[in-house]
Amino acid sequence: MKRFAAIVLVLLLIPASAAPAQRHMIAAANPLAAEAGLKMLRQGGSAVDAAIAAQAVLTLVEPESSGIGGGAFMLLFDPATNKVTSFDGRETAPASAKPTMFLDANGNPRPHRDAIPGGLSVGVPGNLAMLELAHKKYGKLKWATLFEPAIKLAEQGFPVTQKLAKLLANNPDIAAMPDLKRTFARPDGTPVRAGDILKNPDLAATFRKIAKGGARAFYTGDIAKAIVAKVQHAPVNPGGMTLADLARYRAVERAPVCATYRVYKLCSMGPPSSGGIAVLQILKLVERFPSSALQPDTLTGVHLFAQASRLAFADRNRYVGDPAFVKVPVAGLLNTAYLKDRSALIGTDRDMGEALPGTPPMMKAEFGRGDTEEQQGTSHLSVVDDAGRAVSMTTTVEFLLGSEMMAGGFVLNNQLTDFSFVPVQDGKPVANAPAPGKRPLSAMAPTLVFDKSGKFLIAAGSPGGPAIIDYVAQSLIAMLDSGFDPKKAVALGHVIEPNGPLLLEKSPVLTGLAPRLAAMGYEVRTLASESSGLHVIQRVPGGYIGAADPRREGVAVGD
């Protein structure tokens, strides 16, 4: 009966009407997380308050994707000042990190999957420090209030999702890791199943400490000691993180990267994320073509998008890294004349093949090509509050269930495997090579769009590793050029071109286009399904409409 009641509760949270929300809205990857955020909005909380409450619940109910043991990027628009800002909560490498940390005894890069589990891959978590920094500037409710829904759910239990249950069932090696087995196993030792009621008293205790002591309670004291002990004494791949590494972590408020596209202005996350630059590049590269040529699910639309994506990924892999360690030519990469020259490389009837990086103006350094293999343990949420403040936040533990270790009831990330395993390529340093205190490259691209009068229009973002760039860019082009509403845009079959084979998500239209694309020179691969999680809110006459990616279990709710 408890299991049935819990499932009914979740279903009741899904909005029954497509009518616009007039005051506020949140779109998140789990109904319980969305409801926690909505509760804060109903209490007069800000978009940041709602995001924090939702993230706390996601730590509990979607541990495979995000949590306080990982990192995040947040874009925020404040209409009171007409300012867009961004908050960087990306993890950092501990002082023990070395450029060669992911090479084997022969100097060759280790298999990526072998380096994920254990302590070596764990970066100093940045999520909570970022959320506290944003709350100090834009929060309205008391910090402790924001953790109440997650504490209650952790103590009373929540229904295990299909997504988490499927992950554990399909990956017995992951499910067998000691921390995960202890937390996510039934009494008979088998992984929990969808609908089982799962409690997490350890996480409830952690949240109580954080609610009382703020982020300091996480980065010092018992929680920090538990993290360090887990990393240093991991069952595989022990790492060298120390209490000093945690104590010195700082989140950073940064200027976003912004550009115009037709009559719109778009802002997204800058370095150490490559996502914002690449999304903006893709849109600028196709801007010279009429909107009619960019229609989704058409041969021309797919081709032009894929060619722009090739060019953006070539630049992304060469030039972007942590701006504290490398001089990233952001202005050059978004320079109008540079992108006009790059766009001229796009032909209308043939695939250009593997694109080479360009030479943007103001480039101050020469880098070798990177080799990142980001994974898909990520989530996204979008929020708009009563005052019109908008948040787009992408949050991650990197791989599915991160490093496959837990401390204090939460999953520890494996974000350091987002560094390039090869620190030097063709005799040149790689921009994304590991280093002490460095933040690894990301593809996360939380994005805000403004109309021609400067008013907020869209908050969007997605999980998905490097494919985030194409997921977000494709959905924005669909909305801005073809007038798709959020629900139709997030349900599109995905086209991914990371400057290699062209990846098409299986759908009647895209599968039908595959032979014609192959005839244009593409190496086409069809994927059964992509792991996107687009969560979009759009301002419309009368309020806001939103959508959650049908490939996941999220909802958009509002009043």
Protein backbone atom coordinates (compact mmCIF):
# COMPACT_ATOMS: atom_id res chain seq x y z
CA MET A 1 0.00 0.00 0.00
CA LYS A 2 2.82 2.42 0.86
CA ARG A 3 4.43 1.72 -2.48
CA PHE A 4 1.15 2.37 -4.32
CA ALA A 5 0.46 5.57 -2.38
CA ALA A 6 3.91 6.91 -3.13
CA ILE A 7 3.52 6.26 -6.85
CA VAL A 8 0.11 7.99 -6.82
CA LEU A 9 1.68 10.98 -5.08
CA VAL A 10 4.29 11.29 -7.81
CA LEU A 11 1.65 11.06 -10.54
CA LEU A 12 -0.42 13.80 -8.89
CA LEU A 13 2.49 16.19 -9.26
CA ILE A 14 2.35 16.02 -13.05
CA PRO A 15 0.37 19.01 -14.37
CA ALA A 16 -2.91 18.04 -15.98
CA SER A 17 -3.25 21.19 -18.07
CA ALA A 18 -1.07 22.85 -20.66
CA ALA A 19 -2.35 26.32 -19.66
CA PRO A 20 0.44 28.80 -18.96
CA ALA A 21 1.62 29.25 -15.39
CA GLN A 22 0.98 32.90 -14.55
CA ARG A 23 3.39 33.47 -11.63
CA HIS A 24 6.24 30.99 -11.54
CA MET A 25 7.44 27.65 -12.89
CA ILE A 26 10.10 24.99 -12.43
CA ALA A 27 11.10 22.16 -14.77
CA ALA A 28 13.24 19.42 -13.24
CA ALA A 29 14.18 15.79 -13.82
CA ASN A 30 12.05 14.28 -11.05
CA PRO A 31 8.51 15.18 -9.91
CA LEU A 32 9.53 15.21 -6.24
CA ALA A 33 12.37 17.63 -6.97
CA ALA A 34 10.09 19.85 -9.02
CA GLU A 35 7.52 19.84 -6.23
CA ALA A 36 10.17 20.86 -3.67
CA GLY A 37 11.15 23.80 -5.85
CA LEU A 38 7.52 24.74 -6.44
CA LYS A 39 6.93 24.73 -2.68
CA MET A 40 9.67 27.33 -2.25
CA LEU A 41 8.22 29.46 -5.03
CA ARG A 42 4.78 29.34 -3.39
CA GLN A 43 6.37 30.59 -0.16
CA GLY A 44 7.73 33.63 -1.96
CA GLY A 45 11.13 32.13 -2.56
CA SER A 46 13.40 33.12 -5.41
CA ALA A 47 14.41 31.05 -8.41
CA VAL A 48 17.69 30.33 -6.59
CA ASP A 49 15.78 29.10 -3.51
CA ALA A 50 13.75 26.76 -5.71
CA ALA A 51 16.87 25.47 -7.44
CA ILE A 52 18.54 24.67 -4.11
CA ALA A 53 15.52 22.80 -2.79
CA ALA A 54 15.21 20.87 -6.04
CA GLN A 55 18.93 20.02 -6.05
CA ALA A 56 18.73 18.71 -2.49
CA VAL A 57 15.91 16.37 -3.50
CA LEU A 58 17.70 15.31 -6.69
CA THR A 59 20.69 14.33 -4.53
CA LEU A 60 18.33 11.84 -2.88
CA VAL A 61 16.05 10.64 -5.68
CA GLU A 62 18.33 10.92 -8.73
CA PRO A 63 21.76 10.11 -7.22
CA GLU A 64 22.95 8.61 -10.48
CA SER A 65 22.92 12.03 -12.11
CA SER A 66 23.71 14.84 -9.67
CA GLY A 67 24.06 15.84 -6.05
CA ILE A 68 26.04 17.73 -3.44
CA GLY A 69 28.96 15.36 -4.05
CA GLY A 70 29.35 16.81 -7.54
CA GLY A 71 29.43 20.16 -9.31
CA ALA A 72 27.17 22.54 -11.20
CA PHE A 73 26.90 25.65 -13.34
CA MET A 74 24.12 28.21 -12.92
CA LEU A 75 22.97 31.04 -15.20
CA LEU A 76 20.80 33.69 -13.53
CA PHE A 77 18.87 36.67 -14.87
CA ASP A 78 17.71 39.39 -12.47
CA PRO A 79 15.19 41.78 -14.05
CA ALA A 80 15.67 44.26 -11.20
CA THR A 81 19.15 45.01 -12.53
CA ASN A 82 18.68 43.61 -16.04
CA LYS A 83 21.83 41.61 -15.35
CA VAL A 84 22.80 38.10 -16.37
CA THR A 85 25.44 36.40 -14.26
CA SER A 86 26.78 32.88 -13.87
CA PHE A 87 28.01 30.81 -10.97
CA ASP A 88 30.77 28.23 -11.35
CA GLY A 89 30.58 25.28 -8.99
CA ARG A 90 32.82 23.01 -11.06
CA GLU A 91 34.93 20.55 -9.08
CA THR A 92 38.66 21.14 -8.69
CA ALA A 93 41.58 18.72 -8.76
CA PRO A 94 43.26 18.15 -5.39
CA ALA A 95 46.82 19.32 -4.74
CA SER A 96 48.00 15.75 -5.39
CA ALA A 97 46.84 15.84 -9.04
CA LYS A 98 49.47 15.48 -11.77
CA PRO A 99 49.33 15.88 -15.58
CA THR A 100 50.20 12.19 -15.90
CA MET A 101 47.71 10.94 -13.32
CA PHE A 102 45.67 8.98 -15.87
CA LEU A 103 48.60 7.39 -17.74
CA ASP A 104 49.69 3.80 -17.14
CA ALA A 105 53.22 2.61 -16.32
CA ASN A 106 54.12 2.72 -20.01
CA GLY A 107 52.96 6.31 -20.43
CA ASN A 108 49.80 5.36 -22.29
CA PRO A 109 46.33 6.67 -21.35
CA ARG A 110 44.40 4.23 -19.20
CA PRO A 111 41.05 2.95 -20.46
CA HIS A 112 38.57 5.61 -19.47
CA ARG A 113 36.17 3.22 -17.76
CA ASP A 114 38.97 1.77 -15.61
CA ALA A 115 39.80 5.17 -14.17
CA ILE A 116 36.26 6.05 -13.10
CA PRO A 117 35.58 3.99 -9.94
CA GLY A 118 37.42 4.86 -6.75
CA GLY A 119 39.14 7.89 -5.30
CA LEU A 120 41.55 8.98 -8.05
CA SER A 121 38.72 10.38 -10.16
CA VAL A 122 37.02 12.37 -7.37
CA GLY A 123 37.27 16.15 -7.64
CA VAL A 124 36.62 18.51 -4.74
CA PRO A 125 32.81 18.97 -4.92
CA GLY A 126 31.66 22.46 -5.86
CA ASN A 127 27.88 22.20 -5.99
CA LEU A 128 27.07 23.25 -2.45
CA ALA A 129 29.55 26.15 -2.35
CA MET A 130 28.04 27.47 -5.58
CA LEU A 131 24.49 27.20 -4.28
CA GLU A 132 25.42 29.04 -1.09
CA LEU A 133 27.17 31.79 -3.06
CA ALA A 134 24.10 32.28 -5.25
CA HIS A 135 21.79 32.17 -2.22
CA LYS A 136 23.71 34.91 -0.40
CA LYS A 137 23.10 37.21 -3.37
CA TYR A 138 19.70 36.11 -4.64
CA GLY A 139 18.04 33.96 -1.97
CA LYS A 140 14.85 35.09 -0.25
CA LEU A 141 14.02 32.23 2.11
CA LYS A 142 16.14 31.03 5.00
CA TRP A 143 18.88 28.57 4.00
CA ALA A 144 17.63 25.86 6.39
CA THR A 145 14.10 26.02 4.92
CA LEU A 146 15.40 24.90 1.55
CA PHE A 147 16.50 21.50 2.85
CA GLU A 148 13.28 20.59 4.64
CA PRO A 149 11.65 18.69 1.73
CA ALA A 150 14.79 16.61 1.10
CA ILE A 151 15.24 15.80 4.81
CA LYS A 152 11.62 14.67 5.08
CA LEU A 153 11.85 12.48 1.99
CA ALA A 154 15.18 10.97 3.08
CA GLU A 155 13.73 10.01 6.44
CA GLN A 156 10.29 8.83 5.31
CA GLY A 157 11.38 7.29 2.03
CA PHE A 158 10.71 7.85 -1.67
CA PRO A 159 9.74 5.54 -4.55
CA VAL A 160 12.74 4.34 -6.56
CA THR A 161 12.51 5.53 -10.16
CA GLN A 162 12.56 3.35 -13.25
CA LYS A 163 15.75 5.11 -14.35
CA LEU A 164 17.71 4.32 -11.19
CA ALA A 165 16.38 0.77 -10.96
CA LYS A 166 17.26 0.07 -14.60
CA LEU A 167 20.77 1.44 -14.15
CA LEU A 168 21.44 -0.82 -11.17
CA ALA A 169 19.88 -3.88 -12.82
CA ASN A 170 21.80 -3.42 -16.08
CA ASN A 171 25.18 -2.70 -14.45
CA PRO A 172 25.86 -5.42 -11.86
CA ASP A 173 29.51 -4.33 -11.53
CA ILE A 174 28.39 -0.86 -10.47
CA ALA A 175 25.62 -2.18 -8.23
CA ALA A 176 28.16 -4.43 -6.49
CA MET A 177 30.40 -1.54 -5.36
CA PRO A 178 30.30 -1.61 -1.53
CA ASP A 179 28.71 1.79 -0.89
CA LEU A 180 26.13 1.38 -3.62
CA LYS A 181 25.21 -2.13 -2.57
CA ARG A 182 24.78 -1.02 1.03
CA THR A 183 22.50 1.85 -0.01
CA PHE A 184 20.60 0.47 -3.00
CA ALA A 185 20.13 -3.23 -2.24
CA ARG A 186 17.02 -5.05 -1.06
CA PRO A 187 17.23 -7.36 1.99
CA ASP A 188 18.00 -10.30 -0.32
CA GLY A 189 21.00 -8.46 -1.77
CA THR A 190 19.47 -7.73 -5.17
CA PRO A 191 19.26 -4.11 -6.40
CA VAL A 192 16.18 -2.10 -5.52
CA ARG A 193 13.38 -2.13 -8.05
CA ALA A 194 11.21 0.63 -9.41
CA GLY A 195 8.56 1.60 -6.88
CA ASP A 196 10.42 0.25 -3.84
CA ILE A 197 10.40 2.76 -0.99
CA LEU A 198 13.98 3.76 -0.21
CA LYS A 199 15.15 5.71 2.83
CA ASN A 200 18.51 7.43 3.29
CA PRO A 201 18.99 8.42 6.95
CA ASP A 202 22.68 9.18 6.36
CA LEU A 203 21.77 11.85 3.80
CA ALA A 204 19.10 13.24 6.11
CA ALA A 205 21.76 13.66 8.82
CA THR A 206 24.10 15.33 6.31
CA PHE A 207 21.40 17.76 5.22
CA ARG A 208 20.60 18.64 8.82
CA LYS A 209 24.25 19.58 9.39
CA ILE A 210 24.32 21.66 6.21
CA ALA A 211 20.99 23.33 7.01
CA LYS A 212 22.39 24.43 10.36
CA GLY A 213 26.02 25.15 9.48
CA GLY A 214 25.87 26.15 5.81
CA ALA A 215 28.43 25.07 3.23
CA ARG A 216 31.16 25.29 5.89
CA ALA A 217 29.64 22.20 7.52
CA PHE A 218 30.29 20.34 4.26
CA TYR A 219 33.83 21.53 3.55
CA THR A 220 35.09 21.12 7.11
CA GLY A 221 34.25 18.84 10.02
CA ASP A 222 32.76 15.37 9.94
CA ILE A 223 31.39 15.48 6.38
CA ALA A 224 34.76 16.56 4.98
CA LYS A 225 36.53 13.87 6.99
CA ALA A 226 34.17 11.24 5.59
CA ILE A 227 34.85 12.40 2.02
CA VAL A 228 38.63 12.34 2.47
CA ALA A 229 38.57 8.94 4.17
CA LYS A 230 36.52 7.50 1.33
CA VAL A 231 38.81 8.94 -1.35
CA GLN A 232 42.07 7.93 0.30
CA HIS A 233 40.88 4.43 1.23
CA ALA A 234 38.84 3.64 -1.87
CA PRO A 235 38.46 -0.07 -2.72
CA VAL A 236 40.04 0.71 -6.13
CA ASN A 237 42.07 3.64 -7.45
CA PRO A 238 42.66 5.44 -4.13
CA GLY A 239 43.20 9.20 -4.42
CA GLY A 240 45.10 11.89 -2.58
CA MET A 241 42.42 14.43 -1.64
CA THR A 242 42.99 16.06 1.77
CA LEU A 243 40.99 18.16 4.22
CA ALA A 244 42.98 21.17 3.02
CA ASP A 245 41.72 20.59 -0.53
CA LEU A 246 38.14 20.77 0.68
CA ALA A 247 38.69 23.75 2.95
CA ARG A 248 40.23 25.86 0.19
CA TYR A 249 37.48 25.28 -2.39
CA ARG A 250 35.73 28.42 -3.62
CA ALA A 251 32.85 28.79 -6.04
CA VAL A 252 33.20 31.64 -8.54
CA GLU A 253 30.75 34.17 -9.94
CA ARG A 254 31.66 34.81 -13.58
CA ALA A 255 30.46 36.88 -16.48
CA PRO A 256 28.50 34.71 -18.92
CA VAL A 257 29.28 34.36 -22.60
CA CYS A 258 26.67 36.13 -24.74
CA ALA A 259 25.93 36.62 -28.42
CA THR A 260 23.10 37.70 -30.69
CA TYR A 261 21.23 35.33 -32.98
CA ARG A 262 18.86 36.99 -35.44
CA VAL A 263 16.76 39.29 -33.19
CA TYR A 264 17.59 37.40 -29.99
CA LYS A 265 20.29 37.64 -27.36
CA LEU A 266 21.60 34.41 -25.81
CA CYS A 267 23.77 33.99 -22.73
CA SER A 268 25.37 30.76 -21.57
CA MET A 269 28.16 29.39 -19.40
CA GLY A 270 31.74 30.33 -20.20
CA PRO A 271 34.98 28.51 -19.37
CA PRO A 272 35.75 26.15 -17.73
CA SER A 273 32.70 24.98 -19.64
CA SER A 274 32.98 24.77 -23.40
CA GLY A 275 29.23 24.34 -23.72
CA GLY A 276 28.21 27.97 -23.90
CA ILE A 277 30.83 28.96 -26.47
CA ALA A 278 30.03 25.94 -28.66
CA VAL A 279 26.25 26.47 -28.54
CA LEU A 280 26.66 30.13 -29.47
CA GLN A 281 29.12 29.23 -32.24
CA ILE A 282 26.69 26.72 -33.76
CA LEU A 283 23.90 29.27 -33.88
CA LYS A 284 26.15 31.98 -35.32
CA LEU A 285 27.53 29.57 -37.93
CA VAL A 286 24.04 28.82 -39.30
CA GLU A 287 22.72 32.37 -38.94
CA ARG A 288 23.50 33.26 -42.57
CA PHE A 289 21.05 30.60 -43.75
CA PRO A 290 17.31 31.40 -43.78
CA SER A 291 15.18 29.92 -41.03
CA SER A 292 13.36 27.87 -43.66
CA ALA A 293 16.63 25.99 -44.37
CA LEU A 294 17.05 25.02 -40.72
CA GLN A 295 13.78 23.16 -40.24
CA PRO A 296 14.26 20.16 -37.93
CA ASP A 297 13.89 16.69 -39.43
CA THR A 298 14.74 17.86 -42.95
CA LEU A 299 17.80 16.86 -44.95
CA THR A 300 19.05 20.44 -45.28
CA GLY A 301 18.33 21.27 -41.66
CA VAL A 302 20.20 18.23 -40.37
CA HIS A 303 23.12 18.80 -42.73
CA LEU A 304 23.63 22.48 -41.92
CA PHE A 305 23.36 21.81 -38.20
CA ALA A 306 25.85 18.94 -38.40
CA GLN A 307 28.39 21.03 -40.31
CA ALA A 308 28.19 23.85 -37.76
CA SER A 309 28.57 21.35 -34.96
CA ARG A 310 31.73 19.93 -36.55
CA LEU A 311 33.33 23.37 -36.62
CA ALA A 312 32.30 24.19 -33.05
CA PHE A 313 33.62 20.90 -31.66
CA ALA A 314 36.94 21.35 -33.46
CA ASP A 315 37.47 24.70 -31.70
CA ARG A 316 36.12 23.39 -28.42
CA ASN A 317 38.56 20.49 -28.28
CA ARG A 318 41.55 22.69 -29.08
CA TYR A 319 41.12 25.91 -27.14
CA VAL A 320 38.89 25.63 -24.06
CA GLY A 321 39.99 24.83 -20.51
CA ASP A 322 40.08 26.32 -17.03
CA PRO A 323 40.64 30.09 -17.52
CA ALA A 324 42.76 30.19 -14.37
CA PHE A 325 45.30 27.94 -16.12
CA VAL A 326 44.99 28.65 -19.85
CA LYS A 327 44.24 31.77 -21.83
CA VAL A 328 40.99 30.86 -23.55
CA PRO A 329 40.34 33.11 -26.58
CA VAL A 330 36.65 33.56 -25.76
CA ALA A 331 36.22 36.85 -27.63
CA GLY A 332 38.07 35.44 -30.63
CA LEU A 333 35.98 32.28 -30.74
CA LEU A 334 32.80 34.39 -30.81
CA ASN A 335 34.17 37.10 -33.10
CA THR A 336 31.70 37.91 -35.88
CA ALA A 337 34.28 38.05 -38.67
CA TYR A 338 35.91 34.82 -37.50
CA LEU A 339 32.61 32.96 -37.44
CA LYS A 340 31.66 34.38 -40.83
CA ASP A 341 34.85 32.90 -42.28
CA ARG A 342 34.21 29.59 -40.52
CA SER A 343 30.62 29.50 -41.77
CA ALA A 344 31.88 29.89 -45.34
CA LEU A 345 33.39 26.39 -44.96
CA ILE A 346 29.87 24.94 -44.83
CA GLY A 347 28.78 23.61 -48.19
CA THR A 348 25.15 22.84 -48.89
CA ASP A 349 25.52 19.46 -50.53
CA ARG A 350 28.54 17.63 -49.02
CA ASP A 351 29.92 16.77 -45.60
CA MET A 352 33.22 18.58 -45.04
CA GLY A 353 34.65 15.61 -43.14
CA GLU A 354 36.59 16.10 -39.95
CA ALA A 355 36.87 19.83 -39.29
CA LEU A 356 40.12 21.43 -38.20
CA PRO A 357 40.16 24.10 -35.50
CA GLY A 358 40.33 27.64 -36.72
CA THR A 359 42.72 30.40 -35.69
CA PRO A 360 40.57 32.87 -33.79
CA PRO A 361 41.75 36.45 -33.36
CA MET A 362 43.33 37.28 -30.01
CA MET A 363 44.60 33.72 -29.65
CA LYS A 364 47.55 33.90 -27.26
CA ALA A 365 48.62 30.25 -27.00
CA GLU A 366 48.98 27.16 -29.13
CA PHE A 367 47.44 23.98 -27.75
CA GLY A 368 47.31 20.35 -28.72
CA ARG A 369 44.00 18.64 -29.36
CA GLY A 370 42.26 17.27 -26.27
CA ASP A 371 40.79 13.81 -25.76
CA THR A 372 38.01 14.24 -23.20
CA GLU A 373 35.41 11.51 -22.79
CA GLU A 374 32.72 13.12 -20.66
CA GLN A 375 29.92 10.89 -19.46
CA GLN A 376 26.24 11.38 -18.82
CA GLY A 377 25.61 11.38 -15.05
CA THR A 378 24.06 14.84 -15.22
CA SER A 379 20.75 16.66 -14.70
CA HIS A 380 19.26 20.04 -15.55
CA LEU A 381 16.61 22.30 -14.09
CA SER A 382 15.06 25.61 -15.17
CA VAL A 383 13.17 28.02 -12.88
CA VAL A 384 11.33 31.36 -13.10
CA ASP A 385 10.04 33.07 -9.95
CA ASP A 386 7.36 35.68 -9.16
CA ALA A 387 9.79 38.56 -9.72
CA GLY A 388 10.78 37.28 -13.14
CA ARG A 389 14.20 36.03 -12.03
CA ALA A 390 15.22 33.10 -14.21
CA VAL A 391 17.67 30.29 -13.44
CA SER A 392 19.12 27.69 -15.78
CA MET A 393 21.27 25.19 -13.91
CA THR A 394 23.06 22.07 -15.08
CA THR A 395 24.37 19.79 -12.35
CA THR A 396 26.42 16.61 -12.42
CA VAL A 397 28.37 13.79 -10.77
CA GLU A 398 29.87 13.02 -14.24
CA PHE A 399 29.42 9.26 -14.77
CA LEU A 400 26.30 7.35 -13.80
CA LEU A 401 26.63 7.20 -9.99
CA GLY A 402 29.89 9.11 -10.25
CA SER A 403 32.93 7.39 -8.75
CA GLU A 404 30.60 4.61 -7.53
CA MET A 405 31.38 5.62 -3.94
CA MET A 406 29.33 7.46 -1.33
CA ALA A 407 30.01 9.48 1.81
CA GLY A 408 27.38 10.87 4.14
CA GLY A 409 24.59 9.37 2.02
CA PHE A 410 25.55 11.14 -1.23
CA VAL A 411 27.42 10.00 -4.33
CA LEU A 412 30.96 11.26 -4.88
CA ASN A 413 31.72 12.53 -8.38
CA ASN A 414 34.33 11.21 -10.82
CA GLN A 415 34.78 14.61 -12.44
CA LEU A 416 38.55 14.39 -12.81
CA THR A 417 38.09 11.93 -15.67
CA ASP A 418 36.79 14.93 -17.63
CA PHE A 419 40.43 16.01 -17.94
CA SER A 420 42.33 15.00 -21.05
CA PHE A 421 44.21 11.81 -20.18
CA VAL A 422 47.03 12.78 -22.57
CA PRO A 423 48.64 16.01 -21.28
CA VAL A 424 50.76 16.67 -24.38
CA GLN A 425 49.65 16.12 -27.98
CA ASP A 426 51.92 16.61 -31.02
CA GLY A 427 54.48 18.26 -28.78
CA LYS A 428 52.00 20.87 -27.56
CA PRO A 429 50.38 21.14 -24.10
CA VAL A 430 46.71 20.19 -23.97
CA ALA A 431 44.50 22.98 -22.57
CA ASN A 432 42.50 20.49 -20.50
CA ALA A 433 45.42 18.54 -18.97
CA PRO A 434 45.15 17.79 -15.22
CA ALA A 435 46.82 20.09 -12.69
CA PRO A 436 46.45 20.83 -8.95
CA GLY A 437 43.48 23.09 -8.26
CA LYS A 438 42.35 23.03 -11.89
CA ARG A 439 38.74 22.68 -13.02
CA PRO A 440 38.19 20.11 -15.79
CA LEU A 441 36.59 21.05 -19.08
CA SER A 442 32.83 20.64 -19.29
CA ALA A 443 30.20 20.65 -22.04
CA MET A 444 27.38 21.83 -19.77
CA ALA A 445 25.46 24.68 -21.38
CA PRO A 446 22.75 26.22 -19.20
CA THR A 447 21.36 28.93 -21.45
CA LEU A 448 19.04 31.95 -21.23
CA VAL A 449 17.44 33.61 -24.25
CA PHE A 450 16.07 37.17 -24.46
CA ASP A 451 13.76 38.65 -27.08
CA LYS A 452 14.41 41.72 -29.22
CA SER A 453 13.23 44.03 -26.43
CA GLY A 454 15.60 42.42 -23.93
CA LYS A 455 12.91 40.54 -22.00
CA PHE A 456 13.51 37.00 -20.75
CA LEU A 457 12.20 34.44 -23.22
CA ILE A 458 13.67 30.94 -22.66
CA ALA A 459 15.61 29.01 -20.01
CA ALA A 460 17.09 25.77 -21.37
CA GLY A 461 19.75 23.15 -20.76
CA SER A 462 20.38 19.42 -20.73
CA PRO A 463 22.57 16.60 -19.47
CA GLY A 464 24.32 14.30 -21.93
CA GLY A 465 28.10 14.68 -21.85
CA PRO A 466 29.55 16.38 -24.97
CA ALA A 467 26.21 15.86 -26.73
CA ILE A 468 24.76 18.54 -24.40
CA ILE A 469 26.06 21.08 -26.90
CA ASP A 470 24.00 19.67 -29.75
CA TYR A 471 20.94 18.90 -27.61
CA VAL A 472 20.72 22.52 -26.46
CA ALA A 473 21.60 24.10 -29.82
CA GLN A 474 19.14 21.90 -31.71
CA SER A 475 16.26 22.70 -29.35
CA LEU A 476 16.99 26.44 -29.48
CA ILE A 477 17.07 26.48 -33.28
CA ALA A 478 13.77 24.60 -33.33
CA MET A 479 12.15 27.16 -31.03
CA LEU A 480 13.69 30.32 -32.47
CA ASP A 481 13.63 29.43 -36.19
CA SER A 482 10.66 27.10 -36.47
CA GLY A 483 8.43 28.31 -33.66
CA PHE A 484 8.37 24.97 -31.86
CA ASP A 485 6.95 25.09 -28.34
CA PRO A 486 9.10 23.58 -25.55
CA LYS A 487 7.28 20.24 -25.55
CA LYS A 488 7.79 19.72 -29.28
CA ALA A 489 11.39 20.98 -29.17
CA VAL A 490 12.56 18.67 -26.39
CA ALA A 491 10.95 15.64 -28.04
CA LEU A 492 12.82 16.06 -31.35
CA GLY A 493 15.00 13.19 -32.50
CA HIS A 494 18.58 14.17 -31.72
CA VAL A 495 21.31 14.92 -34.25
CA ILE A 496 24.82 14.77 -32.78
CA GLU A 497 27.96 15.63 -34.73
CA PRO A 498 31.01 15.80 -32.39
CA ASN A 499 33.34 16.12 -35.39
CA GLY A 500 33.34 12.40 -36.05
CA PRO A 501 30.63 10.02 -37.21
CA LEU A 502 27.18 11.58 -37.50
CA LEU A 503 24.99 10.18 -34.72
CA LEU A 504 21.25 10.04 -35.35
CA GLU A 505 18.77 9.08 -32.67
CA LYS A 506 16.43 6.43 -33.99
CA SER A 507 13.20 8.00 -35.23
CA PRO A 508 11.07 7.50 -38.35
CA VAL A 509 12.25 10.75 -39.92
CA LEU A 510 15.95 10.63 -39.04
CA THR A 511 16.24 6.94 -39.90
CA GLY A 512 14.71 7.74 -43.28
CA LEU A 513 17.25 10.51 -43.84
CA ALA A 514 20.25 8.31 -43.00
CA PRO A 515 20.84 6.90 -46.56
CA ARG A 516 20.67 10.39 -48.09
CA LEU A 517 23.10 11.74 -45.50
CA ALA A 518 25.46 8.85 -46.18
CA ALA A 519 25.33 9.76 -49.88
CA MET A 520 26.51 13.25 -48.89
CA GLY A 521 29.64 11.73 -47.38
CA TYR A 522 28.66 11.25 -43.76
CA GLU A 523 29.59 8.20 -41.73
CA VAL A 524 26.15 7.69 -40.20
CA ARG A 525 25.45 5.77 -37.03
CA THR A 526 21.97 5.28 -35.64
CA LEU A 527 21.49 5.19 -31.87
CA ALA A 528 18.53 3.49 -30.22
CA SER A 529 17.98 6.36 -27.78
CA GLU A 530 19.87 9.33 -26.41
CA SER A 531 20.17 10.22 -22.73
CA SER A 532 19.23 13.86 -22.96
CA GLY A 533 17.24 15.55 -20.23
CA LEU A 534 16.21 18.90 -21.66
CA HIS A 535 14.17 21.02 -19.26
CA VAL A 536 12.84 24.20 -20.81
CA ILE A 537 10.72 27.15 -19.71
CA GLN A 538 9.44 29.74 -22.18
CA ARG A 539 7.68 33.04 -21.54
CA VAL A 540 4.47 33.34 -23.55
CA PRO A 541 1.55 35.77 -23.44
CA GLY A 542 -0.10 35.27 -20.08
CA GLY A 543 2.80 33.58 -18.32
CA TYR A 544 5.10 30.60 -18.82
CA ILE A 545 4.99 27.20 -20.47
CA GLY A 546 7.54 24.47 -19.87
CA ALA A 547 8.50 20.96 -20.82
CA ALA A 548 10.52 18.05 -19.54
CA ASP A 549 12.39 15.70 -21.85
CA PRO A 550 10.23 12.59 -22.49
CA ARG A 551 13.39 10.43 -22.31
CA ARG A 552 13.56 11.03 -18.56
CA GLU A 553 11.11 11.26 -15.69
CA GLY A 554 10.85 15.00 -15.12
CA VAL A 555 7.97 17.46 -15.13
CA ALA A 556 7.35 21.18 -15.51
CA VAL A 557 5.03 22.59 -12.84
CA GLY A 558 3.89 26.08 -11.93
CA ASP A 559 1.07 28.34 -10.77
